[in-house]
Each structure stands twice: as C-alpha cells, then as structure tokens.
C-alpha cells in the first residue's frame, strides 16, 4: 500500500491477480540471487 490515496488510486493493487498471495520458494530464491548479483559494493 502506498502512503497516499492518490497513489493507491493509480496503482489499483486490488485489481492484481497476485495481490496478497504468498511468494514461492523459487521467487524468494530469485530475489536473493538478484540481490547478490546486482548489489553495488563500496
């Protein structure tokens, strides 16, 4: 959810078919993979 009602009206999260569904183990693994691959180190 966004902080403003204007953003909520634009985004319309309630219209998404995957809204509030659990993420699969594969999706979480891919997120972690992307973080490792694309993170910027100082």
N, C-alpha and C. Protein backbone atom coordinates (compact mmCIF):
# COMPACT_ATOMS: atom_id res chain seq x y z
N UNK A 1 0.83 -1.18 0.00
CA UNK A 1 0.00 0.00 0.00
C UNK A 1 0.88 1.24 0.00
N UNK A 2 0.44 2.22 -0.71
CA UNK A 2 1.17 3.48 -0.77
C UNK A 2 0.71 4.40 0.36
N UNK A 3 1.50 5.41 0.61
CA UNK A 3 1.20 6.32 1.71
C UNK A 3 0.05 7.26 1.39
N UNK A 4 -0.22 7.49 0.13
CA UNK A 4 -1.28 8.44 -0.23
C UNK A 4 -2.40 7.73 -0.96
N UNK A 5 -3.59 8.27 -0.83
CA UNK A 5 -4.73 7.68 -1.53
C UNK A 5 -4.62 7.91 -3.04
N UNK A 6 -3.96 8.98 -3.45
CA UNK A 6 -3.77 9.23 -4.89
C UNK A 6 -2.96 8.09 -5.50
N UNK A 7 -1.87 7.71 -4.84
CA UNK A 7 -1.04 6.61 -5.35
C UNK A 7 -1.83 5.31 -5.35
N UNK A 8 -2.65 5.08 -4.33
CA UNK A 8 -3.46 3.86 -4.29
C UNK A 8 -4.45 3.83 -5.44
N UNK A 9 -5.03 4.96 -5.79
CA UNK A 9 -5.97 5.02 -6.91
C UNK A 9 -5.27 4.73 -8.23
N UNK A 10 -4.03 5.17 -8.36
CA UNK A 10 -3.27 4.95 -9.59
C UNK A 10 -2.82 3.49 -9.69
N UNK A 11 -2.31 2.95 -8.59
CA UNK A 11 -1.73 1.60 -8.60
C UNK A 11 -2.78 0.49 -8.66
N UNK A 12 -3.91 0.69 -8.03
CA UNK A 12 -5.03 -0.28 -8.03
C UNK A 12 -4.56 -1.70 -7.70
N UNK A 13 -3.90 -1.84 -6.55
CA UNK A 13 -3.39 -3.15 -6.16
C UNK A 13 -4.49 -4.20 -6.05
N UNK A 14 -5.68 -3.80 -5.69
CA UNK A 14 -6.78 -4.76 -5.54
C UNK A 14 -7.15 -5.42 -6.87
N UNK A 15 -6.72 -4.86 -8.00
CA UNK A 15 -7.01 -5.45 -9.30
C UNK A 15 -5.97 -6.50 -9.73
N UNK A 16 -4.87 -6.59 -8.99
CA UNK A 16 -3.84 -7.56 -9.35
C UNK A 16 -4.29 -8.97 -8.98
N UNK A 17 -4.00 -9.93 -9.84
CA UNK A 17 -4.40 -11.31 -9.56
C UNK A 17 -3.50 -11.96 -8.50
N UNK A 18 -2.29 -11.40 -8.30
CA UNK A 18 -1.37 -11.98 -7.32
C UNK A 18 -1.31 -11.18 -6.02
N UNK A 19 -2.21 -10.25 -5.84
CA UNK A 19 -2.21 -9.40 -4.65
C UNK A 19 -2.47 -10.24 -3.40
N UNK A 20 -1.61 -10.10 -2.41
CA UNK A 20 -1.68 -10.79 -1.12
C UNK A 20 -1.48 -12.29 -1.20
N UNK A 21 -0.95 -12.80 -2.30
CA UNK A 21 -0.63 -14.22 -2.38
C UNK A 21 0.79 -14.44 -1.85
N UNK A 22 1.03 -15.62 -1.33
CA UNK A 22 2.35 -15.95 -0.81
C UNK A 22 3.35 -16.09 -1.96
N UNK A 23 4.59 -15.73 -1.67
CA UNK A 23 5.66 -15.91 -2.65
C UNK A 23 6.17 -17.33 -2.57
N UNK A 24 6.48 -17.90 -3.72
CA UNK A 24 7.02 -19.26 -3.74
C UNK A 24 8.48 -19.24 -3.32
N UNK A 25 8.98 -20.41 -2.93
CA UNK A 25 10.40 -20.54 -2.57
C UNK A 25 11.29 -20.15 -3.74
N UNK A 26 10.86 -20.47 -4.95
CA UNK A 26 11.64 -20.13 -6.14
C UNK A 26 11.73 -18.62 -6.33
N UNK A 27 10.62 -17.92 -6.12
CA UNK A 27 10.62 -16.47 -6.26
C UNK A 27 11.56 -15.83 -5.25
N UNK A 28 11.51 -16.29 -4.01
CA UNK A 28 12.38 -15.74 -2.97
C UNK A 28 13.84 -16.03 -3.30
N UNK A 29 14.13 -17.24 -3.78
CA UNK A 29 15.50 -17.59 -4.17
C UNK A 29 15.98 -16.69 -5.30
N UNK A 30 15.11 -16.39 -6.25
CA UNK A 30 15.49 -15.50 -7.36
C UNK A 30 15.74 -14.08 -6.87
N UNK A 31 14.94 -13.61 -5.91
CA UNK A 31 15.17 -12.28 -5.34
C UNK A 31 16.56 -12.22 -4.71
N UNK A 32 16.89 -13.23 -3.89
CA UNK A 32 18.21 -13.26 -3.25
C UNK A 32 19.33 -13.35 -4.27
N UNK A 33 19.13 -14.13 -5.31
CA UNK A 33 20.13 -14.25 -6.37
C UNK A 33 20.37 -12.90 -7.01
N UNK A 34 19.30 -12.19 -7.33
CA UNK A 34 19.43 -10.88 -7.96
C UNK A 34 20.11 -9.88 -7.05
N UNK A 35 19.81 -9.93 -5.77
CA UNK A 35 20.46 -9.03 -4.82
C UNK A 35 21.97 -9.30 -4.80
N UNK A 36 22.35 -10.56 -4.78
CA UNK A 36 23.77 -10.91 -4.76
C UNK A 36 24.46 -10.49 -6.05
N UNK A 37 23.82 -10.71 -7.19
CA UNK A 37 24.44 -10.43 -8.48
C UNK A 37 24.53 -8.94 -8.75
N UNK A 38 23.49 -8.20 -8.41
CA UNK A 38 23.42 -6.80 -8.82
C UNK A 38 23.74 -5.80 -7.72
N UNK A 39 24.09 -6.25 -6.53
CA UNK A 39 24.38 -5.29 -5.46
C UNK A 39 25.66 -4.53 -5.78
N UNK A 40 25.69 -3.31 -5.33
CA UNK A 40 26.84 -2.45 -5.55
C UNK A 40 27.66 -2.43 -4.27
N UNK A 41 28.93 -2.74 -4.38
CA UNK A 41 29.79 -2.72 -3.20
C UNK A 41 30.63 -1.45 -3.23
N UNK A 42 30.85 -0.91 -2.07
CA UNK A 42 31.60 0.35 -1.97
C UNK A 42 33.08 0.11 -1.89
